[in-house]
Amino acid sequence: SEALARSAPLLIAPCLSWLPAVLVLLILSMRRQRKQPYIIDEEENIHENIVRYDDEGGGEEDTEAFDIAAMWNPREAQLVVKNRQDMLPEIESLSRYVPQACVMDNNVHNYVLAKLYEADMDLWAPPFDSLQTYMFEGNGSVAESLSSLQSVTTDSDQSYDYLTDWGPRFKKLAEMYGATDSSGA
């Protein structure tokens, strides 16, 4: 047992001398792994494409054309001038310029009229007039127009005499549709 007591420090000393070397190697390997930045580049920013599908209406919005820059802090965001997405550049250059002098003179009425004129003259600005879509509906077709407004005629073959059989509550309706009152009242 006395021999064991003398040899124990000789066995423990080499183990303790290896411990600092292992710790130094461990710290150096950790530093190499930390060299990757914590801030992700804008191209790698995945947060702008996250959509919560468990919310009502989630996933329905257009995530491709959505501009995350609109939500950034204006003090931190760079000045970004974007063209309209719904117009081609050559058409956009044809849009009219309204001088801002109207606003400077506190003449709001003229400014609003100028903007109204600009909107009326701009053929490329949505919403497009729906009248032009339906104005020529059915022209040249065997079925003609599908519009219910044009199909209403006064000399209809429809008989509304049955409305008088429905009683006094429907008397006014029967009169509106020209049903004859057989009771004579």
C-alpha atoms as a PDB file:
ATOM      1  CA  SER A   1       0.000   0.000   0.000  1.00  0.00           C
ATOM      2  CA  GLU A   2       3.002   2.252   0.605  1.00  0.00           C
ATOM      3  CA  ALA A   3       4.151   1.620  -2.977  1.00  0.00           C
ATOM      4  CA  LEU A   4       0.719   2.577  -4.246  1.00  0.00           C
ATOM      5  CA  ALA A   5       0.812   5.849  -2.325  1.00  0.00           C
ATOM      6  CA  ARG A   6       4.160   6.735  -3.908  1.00  0.00           C
ATOM      7  CA  SER A   7       3.081   5.827  -7.455  1.00  0.00           C
ATOM      8  CA  ALA A   8      -0.315   7.623  -7.349  1.00  0.00           C
ATOM      9  CA  PRO A   9       1.108  11.150  -7.740  1.00  0.00           C
ATOM     10  CA  LEU A  10       3.266   9.902 -10.593  1.00  0.00           C
ATOM     11  CA  LEU A  11       0.145   8.632 -12.389  1.00  0.00           C
ATOM     12  CA  ILE A  12      -2.013  11.705 -11.684  1.00  0.00           C
ATOM     13  CA  ALA A  13       0.646  14.285 -12.739  1.00  0.00           C
ATOM     14  CA  PRO A  14       0.683  13.350 -16.463  1.00  0.00           C
ATOM     15  CA  CYS A  15      -3.138  13.384 -16.551  1.00  0.00           C
ATOM     16  CA  LEU A  16      -3.260  16.868 -15.042  1.00  0.00           C
ATOM     17  CA  SER A  17      -0.627  18.109 -17.489  1.00  0.00           C
ATOM     18  CA  TRP A  18      -2.804  16.989 -20.426  1.00  0.00           C
ATOM     19  CA  LEU A  19      -5.919  18.774 -19.086  1.00  0.00           C
ATOM     20  CA  PRO A  20      -4.803  22.379 -19.959  1.00  0.00           C
ATOM     21  CA  ALA A  21      -3.771  21.284 -23.447  1.00  0.00           C
ATOM     22  CA  VAL A  22      -7.211  19.739 -24.070  1.00  0.00           C
ATOM     23  CA  LEU A  23      -8.943  22.894 -22.773  1.00  0.00           C
ATOM     24  CA  VAL A  24      -6.852  25.138 -25.073  1.00  0.00           C
ATOM     25  CA  LEU A  25      -7.712  22.970 -28.097  1.00  0.00           C
ATOM     26  CA  LEU A  26     -11.409  23.039 -27.174  1.00  0.00           C
ATOM     27  CA  ILE A  27     -11.443  26.850 -26.863  1.00  0.00           C
ATOM     28  CA  LEU A  28      -9.662  27.287 -30.217  1.00  0.00           C
ATOM     29  CA  SER A  29     -12.130  25.025 -32.004  1.00  0.00           C
ATOM     30  CA  MET A  30     -15.063  26.956 -30.484  1.00  0.00           C
ATOM     31  CA  ARG A  31     -13.623  30.265 -31.740  1.00  0.00           C
ATOM     32  CA  ARG A  32     -13.374  28.942 -35.283  1.00  0.00           C
ATOM     33  CA  GLN A  33     -17.048  27.991 -35.258  1.00  0.00           C
ATOM     34  CA  ARG A  34     -18.103  31.429 -33.942  1.00  0.00           C
ATOM     35  CA  LYS A  35     -16.647  33.325 -36.906  1.00  0.00           C
ATOM     36  CA  GLN A  36     -19.959  33.066 -38.794  1.00  0.00           C
ATOM     37  CA  PRO A  37     -21.925  36.323 -38.446  1.00  0.00           C
ATOM     38  CA  TYR A  38     -25.118  36.465 -36.448  1.00  0.00           C
ATOM     39  CA  ILE A  39     -26.664  39.027 -38.794  1.00  0.00           C
ATOM     40  CA  ILE A  40     -28.029  37.427 -41.943  1.00  0.00           C
ATOM     41  CA  ASP A  41     -27.733  39.145 -45.320  1.00  0.00           C
ATOM     42  CA  GLU A  42     -30.897  40.608 -46.816  1.00  0.00           C
ATOM     43  CA  GLU A  43     -30.845  37.941 -49.522  1.00  0.00           C
ATOM     44  CA  GLU A  44     -30.888  35.221 -46.895  1.00  0.00           C
ATOM     45  CA  ASN A  45     -33.546  36.904 -44.759  1.00  0.00           C
ATOM     46  CA  ILE A  46     -36.348  34.373 -44.635  1.00  0.00           C
ATOM     47  CA  HIS A  47     -38.584  36.401 -42.334  1.00  0.00           C
ATOM     48  CA  GLU A  48     -40.035  38.430 -45.183  1.00  0.00           C
ATOM     49  CA  ASN A  49     -41.532  35.294 -46.729  1.00  0.00           C
ATOM     50  CA  ILE A  50     -43.077  33.831 -43.596  1.00  0.00           C
ATOM     51  CA  VAL A  51     -46.857  33.562 -43.828  1.00  0.00           C
ATOM     52  CA  ARG A  52     -49.023  32.394 -40.938  1.00  0.00           C
ATOM     53  CA  TYR A  53     -51.502  29.979 -42.449  1.00  0.00           C
ATOM     54  CA  ASP A  54     -53.401  29.433 -39.194  1.00  0.00           C
ATOM     55  CA  ASP A  55     -54.685  33.034 -39.233  1.00  0.00           C
ATOM     56  CA  GLU A  56     -57.945  33.785 -40.989  1.00  0.00           C
ATOM     57  CA  GLY A  57     -57.129  34.490 -44.621  1.00  0.00           C
ATOM     58  CA  GLY A  58     -53.492  33.516 -44.106  1.00  0.00           C
ATOM     59  CA  GLY A  59     -51.688  32.482 -47.257  1.00  0.00           C
ATOM     60  CA  GLU A  60     -54.135  34.263 -49.536  1.00  0.00           C
ATOM     61  CA  GLU A  61     -52.122  37.423 -49.913  1.00  0.00           C
ATOM     62  CA  ASP A  62     -49.643  37.770 -52.713  1.00  0.00           C
ATOM     63  CA  THR A  63     -46.305  37.006 -51.083  1.00  0.00           C
ATOM     64  CA  GLU A  64     -44.355  37.452 -54.314  1.00  0.00           C
ATOM     65  CA  ALA A  65     -45.221  41.106 -54.972  1.00  0.00           C
ATOM     66  CA  PHE A  66     -45.264  42.098 -51.303  1.00  0.00           C
ATOM     67  CA  ASP A  67     -42.670  44.720 -50.452  1.00  0.00           C
ATOM     68  CA  ILE A  68     -41.228  44.171 -46.960  1.00  0.00           C
ATOM     69  CA  ALA A  69     -39.421  47.519 -47.241  1.00  0.00           C
ATOM     70  CA  ALA A  70     -42.730  49.258 -46.588  1.00  0.00           C
ATOM     71  CA  MET A  71     -42.656  47.920 -43.022  1.00  0.00           C
ATOM     72  CA  TRP A  72     -39.069  48.882 -42.276  1.00  0.00           C
ATOM     73  CA  ASN A  73     -38.281  51.855 -40.103  1.00  0.00           C
ATOM     74  CA  PRO A  74     -38.036  54.837 -42.469  1.00  0.00           C
ATOM     75  CA  ARG A  75     -35.054  56.218 -40.566  1.00  0.00           C
ATOM     76  CA  GLU A  76     -33.094  53.027 -41.189  1.00  0.00           C
ATOM     77  CA  ALA A  77     -34.397  52.166 -44.634  1.00  0.00           C
ATOM     78  CA  GLN A  78     -32.633  53.415 -47.701  1.00  0.00           C
ATOM     79  CA  LEU A  79     -34.484  55.597 -50.158  1.00  0.00           C
ATOM     80  CA  VAL A  80     -35.885  53.157 -52.679  1.00  0.00           C
ATOM     81  CA  VAL A  81     -37.626  54.441 -55.767  1.00  0.00           C
ATOM     82  CA  LYS A  82     -39.613  51.711 -57.419  1.00  0.00           C
ATOM     83  CA  ASN A  83     -41.506  51.765 -60.674  1.00  0.00           C
ATOM     84  CA  ARG A  84     -45.128  50.773 -60.771  1.00  0.00           C
ATOM     85  CA  GLN A  85     -45.486  47.028 -61.121  1.00  0.00           C
ATOM     86  CA  ASP A  86     -48.618  47.198 -63.282  1.00  0.00           C
ATOM     87  CA  MET A  87     -47.215  49.461 -65.996  1.00  0.00           C
ATOM     88  CA  LEU A  88     -44.445  49.000 -68.484  1.00  0.00           C
ATOM     89  CA  PRO A  89     -41.678  51.623 -68.191  1.00  0.00           C
ATOM     90  CA  GLU A  90     -42.361  53.191 -71.589  1.00  0.00           C
ATOM     91  CA  ILE A  91     -46.035  53.643 -70.712  1.00  0.00           C
ATOM     92  CA  GLU A  92     -45.149  55.018 -67.301  1.00  0.00           C
ATOM     93  CA  SER A  93     -43.071  57.767 -68.893  1.00  0.00           C
ATOM     94  CA  LEU A  94     -46.197  58.981 -70.702  1.00  0.00           C
ATOM     95  CA  SER A  95     -48.013  59.759 -67.452  1.00  0.00           C
ATOM     96  CA  ARG A  96     -48.802  63.404 -66.939  1.00  0.00           C
ATOM     97  CA  TYR A  97     -47.063  65.674 -64.492  1.00  0.00           C
ATOM     98  CA  VAL A  98     -49.155  68.048 -62.414  1.00  0.00           C
ATOM     99  CA  PRO A  99     -47.162  70.981 -61.055  1.00  0.00           C
ATOM    100  CA  GLN A 100     -47.124  71.257 -57.288  1.00  0.00           C
ATOM    101  CA  ALA A 101     -47.671  75.042 -57.502  1.00  0.00           C
ATOM    102  CA  CYS A 102     -51.382  74.442 -56.940  1.00  0.00           C
ATOM    103  CA  VAL A 103     -50.648  73.056 -53.490  1.00  0.00           C
ATOM    104  CA  MET A 104     -48.185  75.806 -52.646  1.00  0.00           C
ATOM    105  CA  ASP A 105     -50.802  78.491 -53.375  1.00  0.00           C
ATOM    106  CA  ASN A 106     -53.262  76.806 -50.983  1.00  0.00           C
ATOM    107  CA  ASN A 107     -55.633  76.397 -53.902  1.00  0.00           C
ATOM    108  CA  VAL A 108     -56.796  72.897 -53.124  1.00  0.00           C
ATOM    109  CA  HIS A 109     -59.772  73.114 -55.467  1.00  0.00           C
ATOM    110  CA  ASN A 110     -57.547  73.599 -58.519  1.00  0.00           C
ATOM    111  CA  TYR A 111     -55.206  70.878 -57.316  1.00  0.00           C
ATOM    112  CA  VAL A 112     -58.067  68.383 -56.969  1.00  0.00           C
ATOM    113  CA  LEU A 113     -59.413  69.351 -60.388  1.00  0.00           C
ATOM    114  CA  ALA A 114     -55.959  68.867 -61.912  1.00  0.00           C
ATOM    115  CA  LYS A 115     -55.643  65.438 -60.312  1.00  0.00           C
ATOM    116  CA  LEU A 116     -59.154  64.527 -61.482  1.00  0.00           C
ATOM    117  CA  TYR A 117     -58.280  65.572 -65.015  1.00  0.00           C
ATOM    118  CA  GLU A 118     -55.053  63.574 -64.829  1.00  0.00           C
ATOM    119  CA  ALA A 119     -56.931  60.461 -63.693  1.00  0.00           C
ATOM    120  CA  ASP A 120     -59.593  60.881 -66.380  1.00  0.00           C
ATOM    121  CA  MET A 121     -57.015  61.279 -69.149  1.00  0.00           C
ATOM    122  CA  ASP A 122     -54.772  58.406 -68.041  1.00  0.00           C
ATOM    123  CA  LEU A 123     -55.986  55.431 -70.062  1.00  0.00           C
ATOM    124  CA  TRP A 124     -53.517  53.063 -68.456  1.00  0.00           C
ATOM    125  CA  ALA A 125     -54.472  53.658 -64.833  1.00  0.00           C
ATOM    126  CA  PRO A 126     -56.690  51.051 -63.212  1.00  0.00           C
ATOM    127  CA  PRO A 127     -59.529  50.506 -62.527  1.00  0.00           C
ATOM    128  CA  PHE A 128     -60.447  50.269 -66.144  1.00  0.00           C
ATOM    129  CA  ASP A 129     -63.943  51.328 -67.138  1.00  0.00           C
ATOM    130  CA  SER A 130     -66.147  48.245 -67.038  1.00  0.00           C
ATOM    131  CA  LEU A 131     -68.636  49.859 -69.417  1.00  0.00           C
ATOM    132  CA  GLN A 132     -66.291  49.316 -72.334  1.00  0.00           C
ATOM    133  CA  THR A 133     -66.140  45.622 -71.459  1.00  0.00           C
ATOM    134  CA  TYR A 134     -69.883  45.033 -71.609  1.00  0.00           C
ATOM    135  CA  MET A 135     -70.895  47.685 -74.136  1.00  0.00           C
ATOM    136  CA  PHE A 136     -70.485  45.429 -77.150  1.00  0.00           C
ATOM    137  CA  GLU A 137     -71.549  42.213 -75.447  1.00  0.00           C
ATOM    138  CA  GLY A 138     -73.256  39.824 -77.847  1.00  0.00           C
ATOM    139  CA  ASN A 139     -72.714  41.846 -81.026  1.00  0.00           C
ATOM    140  CA  GLY A 140     -72.514  39.527 -84.011  1.00  0.00           C
ATOM    141  CA  SER A 141     -73.697  36.567 -81.960  1.00  0.00           C
ATOM    142  CA  VAL A 142     -76.729  34.430 -82.749  1.00  0.00           C
ATOM    143  CA  ALA A 143     -77.782  34.720 -79.094  1.00  0.00           C
ATOM    144  CA  GLU A 144     -77.406  38.531 -79.223  1.00  0.00           C
ATOM    145  CA  SER A 145     -76.947  40.349 -75.919  1.00  0.00           C
ATOM    146  CA  LEU A 146     -77.096  38.482 -72.636  1.00  0.00           C
ATOM    147  CA  SER A 147     -78.000  41.645 -70.759  1.00  0.00           C
ATOM    148  CA  SER A 148     -81.185  41.373 -68.737  1.00  0.00           C
ATOM    149  CA  LEU A 149     -81.682  45.137 -69.080  1.00  0.00           C
ATOM    150  CA  GLN A 150     -82.163  44.897 -72.832  1.00  0.00           C
ATOM    151  CA  SER A 151     -84.323  41.793 -72.651  1.00  0.00           C
ATOM    152  CA  VAL A 152     -87.082  43.462 -70.607  1.00  0.00           C
ATOM    153  CA  THR A 153     -90.002  44.341 -72.846  1.00  0.00           C
ATOM    154  CA  THR A 154     -93.426  45.732 -72.057  1.00  0.00           C
ATOM    155  CA  ASP A 155     -95.326  43.415 -74.376  1.00  0.00           C
ATOM    156  CA  SER A 156     -94.259  40.254 -72.583  1.00  0.00           C
ATOM    157  CA  ASP A 157     -96.021  36.924 -72.962  1.00  0.00           C
ATOM    158  CA  GLN A 158     -95.705  36.343 -69.216  1.00  0.00           C
ATOM    159  CA  SER A 159     -99.017  36.337 -67.345  1.00  0.00           C
ATOM    160  CA  TYR A 160     -99.101  37.557 -63.769  1.00  0.00           C
ATOM    161  CA  ASP A 161    -102.794  36.839 -63.164  1.00  0.00           C
ATOM    162  CA  TYR A 162    -101.893  34.272 -60.512  1.00  0.00           C
ATOM    163  CA  LEU A 163    -100.772  37.127 -58.239  1.00  0.00           C
ATOM    164  CA  THR A 164    -104.411  38.084 -57.635  1.00  0.00           C
ATOM    165  CA  ASP A 165    -105.031  34.604 -56.219  1.00  0.00           C
ATOM    166  CA  TRP A 166    -102.451  35.206 -53.493  1.00  0.00           C
ATOM    167  CA  GLY A 167    -104.734  37.530 -51.565  1.00  0.00           C
ATOM    168  CA  PRO A 168    -104.809  41.152 -50.430  1.00  0.00           C
ATOM    169  CA  ARG A 169    -101.181  41.178 -49.269  1.00  0.00           C
ATOM    170  CA  PHE A 170    -100.036  40.829 -52.874  1.00  0.00           C
ATOM    171  CA  LYS A 171    -102.599  43.230 -54.380  1.00  0.00           C
ATOM    172  CA  LYS A 172    -100.038  46.024 -54.865  1.00  0.00           C
ATOM    173  CA  LEU A 173     -97.602  43.604 -56.512  1.00  0.00           C
ATOM    174  CA  ALA A 174    -100.349  42.369 -58.832  1.00  0.00           C
ATOM    175  CA  GLU A 175    -101.143  45.976 -59.780  1.00  0.00           C
ATOM    176  CA  MET A 176     -97.465  46.672 -60.479  1.00  0.00           C
ATOM    177  CA  TYR A 177     -97.235  43.761 -62.882  1.00  0.00           C
ATOM    178  CA  GLY A 178    -100.543  44.598 -64.535  1.00  0.00           C
ATOM    179  CA  ALA A 179    -102.444  41.534 -63.401  1.00  0.00           C
ATOM    180  CA  THR A 180    -106.185  41.969 -63.902  1.00  0.00           C
ATOM    181  CA  ASP A 181    -108.320  41.888 -60.803  1.00  0.00           C
ATOM    182  CA  SER A 182    -111.102  39.387 -61.506  1.00  0.00           C
ATOM    183  CA  SER A 183    -112.978  40.158 -58.253  1.00  0.00           C
ATOM    184  CA  GLY A 184    -113.751  43.709 -59.419  1.00  0.00           C
ATOM    185  CA  ALA A 185    -112.825  45.246 -56.038  1.00  0.00           C
END
